[in-house]
Amino acid sequence: MDQGNGAPAEAGDTVQIGIAVDIPEPWGSLLTRRRLEAGDPNTVPAHVTLLGPTEIPVAVLPAVERHLARVAAAHLPFTLHLRGTGTFRPVTQVVFVAVAAGISECELLAAAINAAPQLRRELRFPYHPHVTVAQDVAPEALDRVYEDLAGFSAMFEVECFTLFSHSGQARWQPRRHFRLGG
């Protein structure tokens, strides 16, 4: 497998992966732009995380992909409704767009994904589906994005989730989409 820098991966190499539901247009670019305007240097496109950054051996990637294909086949497409803002302050300096409908479906997907032995890890916080729109920026910027997006609403069908990888050389790259319901 190529690591993204032209060098083949060795058996002992690791790769960072993450799994997420992408936010479609026109909302995805709007939320990504608002995150950048808040001063957040994280340039990851807007998404709902199903599995946060996780380092795994490159050698187990095929087994992980087979697991993800089984998870996707076992879950039907669903409607995701994003509405309003929330925050994790004061625990963490995060403002997010809230998931108003589709919470249970995201929770079930995240639990099924995390059931793979290669993906199990300690979570710092309980899983809470959301779209981060500002993180670790000045309090005024957090307040501004919280207020600016308070009336935000988007509703769309989730038909797949995406496996992303990060070699440490470049930003997160989509590796494979997994269609729900087979």
C-alpha atoms as a PDB file:
ATOM      1  CA  MET A   1       0.000   0.000   0.000  1.00  0.00           C
ATOM      2  CA  ASP A   2       1.199   3.499  -0.756  1.00  0.00           C
ATOM      3  CA  GLN A   3       1.470   5.841   2.246  1.00  0.00           C
ATOM      4  CA  GLY A   4       0.596   8.915   0.191  1.00  0.00           C
ATOM      5  CA  ASN A   5       4.230  10.024  -0.046  1.00  0.00           C
ATOM      6  CA  GLY A   6       5.172   7.463  -2.696  1.00  0.00           C
ATOM      7  CA  ALA A   7       6.801   5.080  -0.213  1.00  0.00           C
ATOM      8  CA  PRO A   8       5.237   1.647   0.187  1.00  0.00           C
ATOM      9  CA  ALA A   9       4.087   0.759   3.673  1.00  0.00           C
ATOM     10  CA  GLU A  10       6.110  -1.835   5.543  1.00  0.00           C
ATOM     11  CA  ALA A  11       4.434  -4.548   7.622  1.00  0.00           C
ATOM     12  CA  GLY A  12       5.303  -2.729  10.863  1.00  0.00           C
ATOM     13  CA  ASP A  13       4.048   0.673   9.690  1.00  0.00           C
ATOM     14  CA  THR A  14       0.974   2.300  11.156  1.00  0.00           C
ATOM     15  CA  VAL A  15      -1.617   4.616   9.719  1.00  0.00           C
ATOM     16  CA  GLN A  16      -4.089   7.010  11.337  1.00  0.00           C
ATOM     17  CA  ILE A  17      -7.668   6.389  10.331  1.00  0.00           C
ATOM     18  CA  GLY A  18     -10.954   8.079  11.094  1.00  0.00           C
ATOM     19  CA  ILE A  19     -14.507   7.291  10.047  1.00  0.00           C
ATOM     20  CA  ALA A  20     -17.162   9.922   9.465  1.00  0.00           C
ATOM     21  CA  VAL A  21     -20.396  10.928   7.799  1.00  0.00           C
ATOM     22  CA  ASP A  22     -19.619  13.737   5.362  1.00  0.00           C
ATOM     23  CA  ILE A  23     -21.890  16.785   5.379  1.00  0.00           C
ATOM     24  CA  PRO A  24     -23.101  17.296   1.789  1.00  0.00           C
ATOM     25  CA  GLU A  25     -23.295  20.555  -0.142  1.00  0.00           C
ATOM     26  CA  PRO A  26     -24.294  23.248   0.231  1.00  0.00           C
ATOM     27  CA  TRP A  27     -23.983  22.829   4.011  1.00  0.00           C
ATOM     28  CA  GLY A  28     -20.575  21.124   4.148  1.00  0.00           C
ATOM     29  CA  SER A  29     -18.597  24.008   2.693  1.00  0.00           C
ATOM     30  CA  LEU A  30     -20.581  26.545   4.740  1.00  0.00           C
ATOM     31  CA  LEU A  31     -19.766  24.787   8.031  1.00  0.00           C
ATOM     32  CA  THR A  32     -16.144  24.207   7.025  1.00  0.00           C
ATOM     33  CA  ARG A  33     -15.771  27.898   6.105  1.00  0.00           C
ATOM     34  CA  ARG A  34     -17.299  28.999   9.432  1.00  0.00           C
ATOM     35  CA  ARG A  35     -14.791  26.816  11.276  1.00  0.00           C
ATOM     36  CA  LEU A  36     -11.907  28.452   9.418  1.00  0.00           C
ATOM     37  CA  GLU A  37     -13.373  31.952   9.954  1.00  0.00           C
ATOM     38  CA  ALA A  38     -13.487  31.244  13.707  1.00  0.00           C
ATOM     39  CA  GLY A  39      -9.706  30.846  13.559  1.00  0.00           C
ATOM     40  CA  ASP A  40      -9.699  27.066  13.875  1.00  0.00           C
ATOM     41  CA  PRO A  41      -6.714  25.826  11.838  1.00  0.00           C
ATOM     42  CA  ASN A  42      -8.280  22.362  11.436  1.00  0.00           C
ATOM     43  CA  THR A  43      -9.077  22.142   7.737  1.00  0.00           C
ATOM     44  CA  VAL A  44     -11.013  18.885   7.877  1.00  0.00           C
ATOM     45  CA  PRO A  45     -14.253  19.197   5.884  1.00  0.00           C
ATOM     46  CA  ALA A  46     -17.441  19.286   7.993  1.00  0.00           C
ATOM     47  CA  HIS A  47     -18.467  15.844   9.221  1.00  0.00           C
ATOM     48  CA  VAL A  48     -20.048  13.785  11.997  1.00  0.00           C
ATOM     49  CA  THR A  49     -17.345  11.580  13.500  1.00  0.00           C
ATOM     50  CA  LEU A  50     -18.109   7.877  13.924  1.00  0.00           C
ATOM     51  CA  LEU A  51     -14.544   6.908  14.910  1.00  0.00           C
ATOM     52  CA  GLY A  52     -12.047   9.578  15.913  1.00  0.00           C
ATOM     53  CA  PRO A  53      -8.370   9.469  14.945  1.00  0.00           C
ATOM     54  CA  THR A  54      -7.117   5.944  15.608  1.00  0.00           C
ATOM     55  CA  GLU A  55      -3.675   4.560  14.855  1.00  0.00           C
ATOM     56  CA  ILE A  56      -3.644   1.012  13.507  1.00  0.00           C
ATOM     57  CA  PRO A  57      -1.040  -1.225  11.872  1.00  0.00           C
ATOM     58  CA  VAL A  58      -1.210  -0.973   8.080  1.00  0.00           C
ATOM     59  CA  ALA A  59      -1.328  -4.773   7.973  1.00  0.00           C
ATOM     60  CA  VAL A  60      -4.816  -4.831   9.607  1.00  0.00           C
ATOM     61  CA  LEU A  61      -6.322  -2.286   7.207  1.00  0.00           C
ATOM     62  CA  PRO A  62      -7.850  -4.947   4.915  1.00  0.00           C
ATOM     63  CA  ALA A  63      -9.565  -6.603   7.915  1.00  0.00           C
ATOM     64  CA  VAL A  64     -10.822  -3.209   9.098  1.00  0.00           C
ATOM     65  CA  GLU A  65     -12.228  -2.473   5.639  1.00  0.00           C
ATOM     66  CA  ARG A  66     -14.003  -5.856   5.584  1.00  0.00           C
ATOM     67  CA  HIS A  67     -15.474  -5.073   9.016  1.00  0.00           C
ATOM     68  CA  LEU A  68     -16.660  -1.648   7.814  1.00  0.00           C
ATOM     69  CA  ALA A  69     -18.284  -3.216   4.743  1.00  0.00           C
ATOM     70  CA  ARG A  70     -20.223  -5.611   7.022  1.00  0.00           C
ATOM     71  CA  VAL A  71     -21.261  -2.732   9.312  1.00  0.00           C
ATOM     72  CA  ALA A  72     -22.468  -0.647   6.357  1.00  0.00           C
ATOM     73  CA  ALA A  73     -24.412  -3.594   4.892  1.00  0.00           C
ATOM     74  CA  ALA A  74     -26.179  -4.145   8.219  1.00  0.00           C
ATOM     75  CA  HIS A  75     -27.399  -0.533   8.593  1.00  0.00           C
ATOM     76  CA  LEU A  76     -29.990   1.231   6.457  1.00  0.00           C
ATOM     77  CA  PRO A  77     -29.702   4.783   5.119  1.00  0.00           C
ATOM     78  CA  PHE A  78     -31.245   7.379   7.431  1.00  0.00           C
ATOM     79  CA  THR A  79     -32.200  11.035   7.655  1.00  0.00           C
ATOM     80  CA  LEU A  80     -29.797  13.311   9.503  1.00  0.00           C
ATOM     81  CA  HIS A  81     -31.158  16.630  10.723  1.00  0.00           C
ATOM     82  CA  LEU A  82     -28.670  19.225  11.930  1.00  0.00           C
ATOM     83  CA  ARG A  83     -30.198  22.093  13.871  1.00  0.00           C
ATOM     84  CA  GLY A  84     -28.834  24.844  16.086  1.00  0.00           C
ATOM     85  CA  THR A  85     -25.636  24.989  18.083  1.00  0.00           C
ATOM     86  CA  GLY A  86     -24.292  23.527  21.279  1.00  0.00           C
ATOM     87  CA  THR A  87     -21.059  23.574  23.215  1.00  0.00           C
ATOM     88  CA  PHE A  88     -18.965  21.309  25.407  1.00  0.00           C
ATOM     89  CA  ARG A  89     -17.622  24.283  27.401  1.00  0.00           C
ATOM     90  CA  PRO A  90     -16.222  24.414  30.019  1.00  0.00           C
ATOM     91  CA  VAL A  91     -15.043  20.776  29.676  1.00  0.00           C
ATOM     92  CA  THR A  92     -13.556  21.392  26.203  1.00  0.00           C
ATOM     93  CA  GLN A  93     -13.440  24.538  24.109  1.00  0.00           C
ATOM     94  CA  VAL A  94     -15.770  23.282  21.361  1.00  0.00           C
ATOM     95  CA  VAL A  95     -18.835  24.716  19.643  1.00  0.00           C
ATOM     96  CA  PHE A  96     -20.817  22.397  17.406  1.00  0.00           C
ATOM     97  CA  VAL A  97     -23.900  22.142  15.236  1.00  0.00           C
ATOM     98  CA  ALA A  98     -26.275  19.739  16.958  1.00  0.00           C
ATOM     99  CA  VAL A  99     -27.686  16.537  15.513  1.00  0.00           C
ATOM    100  CA  ALA A 100     -31.467  16.887  16.036  1.00  0.00           C
ATOM    101  CA  ALA A 101     -32.499  13.646  14.306  1.00  0.00           C
ATOM    102  CA  GLY A 102     -30.399  10.637  13.392  1.00  0.00           C
ATOM    103  CA  ILE A 103     -28.717  10.492  16.795  1.00  0.00           C
ATOM    104  CA  SER A 104     -29.584   6.844  17.430  1.00  0.00           C
ATOM    105  CA  GLU A 105     -28.464   5.810  13.954  1.00  0.00           C
ATOM    106  CA  CYS A 106     -25.096   7.538  14.458  1.00  0.00           C
ATOM    107  CA  GLU A 107     -24.727   5.912  17.886  1.00  0.00           C
ATOM    108  CA  LEU A 108     -25.503   2.458  16.473  1.00  0.00           C
ATOM    109  CA  LEU A 109     -23.050   2.927  13.606  1.00  0.00           C
ATOM    110  CA  ALA A 110     -20.315   4.174  15.943  1.00  0.00           C
ATOM    111  CA  ALA A 111     -20.846   1.239  18.330  1.00  0.00           C
ATOM    112  CA  ALA A 112     -20.779  -1.296  15.481  1.00  0.00           C
ATOM    113  CA  ILE A 113     -17.628   0.256  14.006  1.00  0.00           C
ATOM    114  CA  ASN A 114     -15.902   0.260  17.389  1.00  0.00           C
ATOM    115  CA  ALA A 115     -16.741  -3.434  17.904  1.00  0.00           C
ATOM    116  CA  ALA A 116     -13.790  -4.457  15.721  1.00  0.00           C
ATOM    117  CA  PRO A 117     -10.910  -5.525  17.986  1.00  0.00           C
ATOM    118  CA  GLN A 118      -8.460  -3.441  15.921  1.00  0.00           C
ATOM    119  CA  LEU A 119     -10.548  -0.292  16.522  1.00  0.00           C
ATOM    120  CA  ARG A 120     -11.335  -0.558  20.237  1.00  0.00           C
ATOM    121  CA  ARG A 121      -9.865   2.279  22.253  1.00  0.00           C
ATOM    122  CA  GLU A 122     -10.465   4.265  25.385  1.00  0.00           C
ATOM    123  CA  LEU A 123     -12.729   7.245  24.780  1.00  0.00           C
ATOM    124  CA  ARG A 124     -12.062  10.477  26.674  1.00  0.00           C
ATOM    125  CA  PHE A 125     -15.763  11.321  26.552  1.00  0.00           C
ATOM    126  CA  PRO A 126     -19.004   9.449  25.773  1.00  0.00           C
ATOM    127  CA  TYR A 127     -19.926   9.437  22.079  1.00  0.00           C
ATOM    128  CA  HIS A 128     -22.086  12.427  21.146  1.00  0.00           C
ATOM    129  CA  PRO A 129     -22.762  12.905  17.415  1.00  0.00           C
ATOM    130  CA  HIS A 130     -22.236  16.510  16.316  1.00  0.00           C
ATOM    131  CA  VAL A 131     -20.465  18.705  13.734  1.00  0.00           C
ATOM    132  CA  THR A 132     -17.597  20.697  15.240  1.00  0.00           C
ATOM    133  CA  VAL A 133     -17.577  24.298  13.964  1.00  0.00           C
ATOM    134  CA  ALA A 134     -14.952  25.787  16.324  1.00  0.00           C
ATOM    135  CA  GLN A 135     -12.395  24.254  18.646  1.00  0.00           C
ATOM    136  CA  ASP A 136      -9.643  25.656  20.852  1.00  0.00           C
ATOM    137  CA  VAL A 137     -10.003  29.224  19.614  1.00  0.00           C
ATOM    138  CA  ALA A 138     -10.517  32.487  21.525  1.00  0.00           C
ATOM    139  CA  PRO A 139     -13.666  32.569  23.694  1.00  0.00           C
ATOM    140  CA  GLU A 140     -15.005  35.475  21.617  1.00  0.00           C
ATOM    141  CA  ALA A 141     -14.693  33.398  18.440  1.00  0.00           C
ATOM    142  CA  LEU A 142     -16.482  30.479  20.112  1.00  0.00           C
ATOM    143  CA  ASP A 143     -19.278  32.825  21.223  1.00  0.00           C
ATOM    144  CA  ARG A 144     -19.558  34.361  17.742  1.00  0.00           C
ATOM    145  CA  VAL A 145     -19.893  31.047  15.867  1.00  0.00           C
ATOM    146  CA  TYR A 146     -22.290  29.769  18.547  1.00  0.00           C
ATOM    147  CA  GLU A 147     -24.568  32.781  17.944  1.00  0.00           C
ATOM    148  CA  ASP A 148     -24.077  32.960  14.165  1.00  0.00           C
ATOM    149  CA  LEU A 149     -25.123  29.334  13.607  1.00  0.00           C
ATOM    150  CA  ALA A 150     -27.856  29.167  16.271  1.00  0.00           C
ATOM    151  CA  GLY A 151     -30.521  29.193  13.548  1.00  0.00           C
ATOM    152  CA  PHE A 152     -28.728  26.710  11.294  1.00  0.00           C
ATOM    153  CA  SER A 153     -30.778  23.812   9.946  1.00  0.00           C
ATOM    154  CA  ALA A 154     -30.058  21.144   7.359  1.00  0.00           C
ATOM    155  CA  MET A 155     -31.726  17.826   6.636  1.00  0.00           C
ATOM    156  CA  PHE A 156     -30.343  15.165   4.296  1.00  0.00           C
ATOM    157  CA  GLU A 157     -30.167  11.423   3.713  1.00  0.00           C
ATOM    158  CA  VAL A 158     -27.076   9.595   4.925  1.00  0.00           C
ATOM    159  CA  GLU A 159     -26.364   6.872   2.395  1.00  0.00           C
ATOM    160  CA  CYS A 160     -22.764   6.086   3.308  1.00  0.00           C
ATOM    161  CA  PHE A 161     -19.897   6.741   5.674  1.00  0.00           C
ATOM    162  CA  THR A 162     -16.258   7.342   4.761  1.00  0.00           C
ATOM    163  CA  LEU A 163     -12.982   5.849   5.924  1.00  0.00           C
ATOM    164  CA  PHE A 164     -10.289   8.535   6.034  1.00  0.00           C
ATOM    165  CA  SER A 165      -6.568   7.966   6.440  1.00  0.00           C
ATOM    166  CA  HIS A 166      -3.670  10.167   7.420  1.00  0.00           C
ATOM    167  CA  SER A 167      -0.069   9.190   6.783  1.00  0.00           C
ATOM    168  CA  GLY A 168       1.370  12.054   8.819  1.00  0.00           C
ATOM    169  CA  GLN A 169       2.600  13.645   5.599  1.00  0.00           C
ATOM    170  CA  ALA A 170      -0.572  15.340   4.418  1.00  0.00           C
ATOM    171  CA  ARG A 171      -4.093  16.153   5.550  1.00  0.00           C
ATOM    172  CA  TRP A 172      -6.832  13.577   6.015  1.00  0.00           C
ATOM    173  CA  GLN A 173      -7.713  11.855   2.753  1.00  0.00           C
ATOM    174  CA  PRO A 174     -10.872   9.868   1.957  1.00  0.00           C
ATOM    175  CA  ARG A 175      -9.850   6.259   1.434  1.00  0.00           C
ATOM    176  CA  ARG A 176     -13.150   4.496   0.823  1.00  0.00           C
ATOM    177  CA  HIS A 177     -16.907   5.129   1.018  1.00  0.00           C
ATOM    178  CA  PHE A 178     -19.132   2.431   2.524  1.00  0.00           C
ATOM    179  CA  ARG A 179     -22.727   2.434   1.248  1.00  0.00           C
ATOM    180  CA  LEU A 180     -25.359   1.726   3.899  1.00  0.00           C
ATOM    181  CA  GLY A 181     -27.691  -1.177   3.324  1.00  0.00           C
ATOM    182  CA  GLY A 182     -25.212  -3.013   1.131  1.00  0.00           C
END
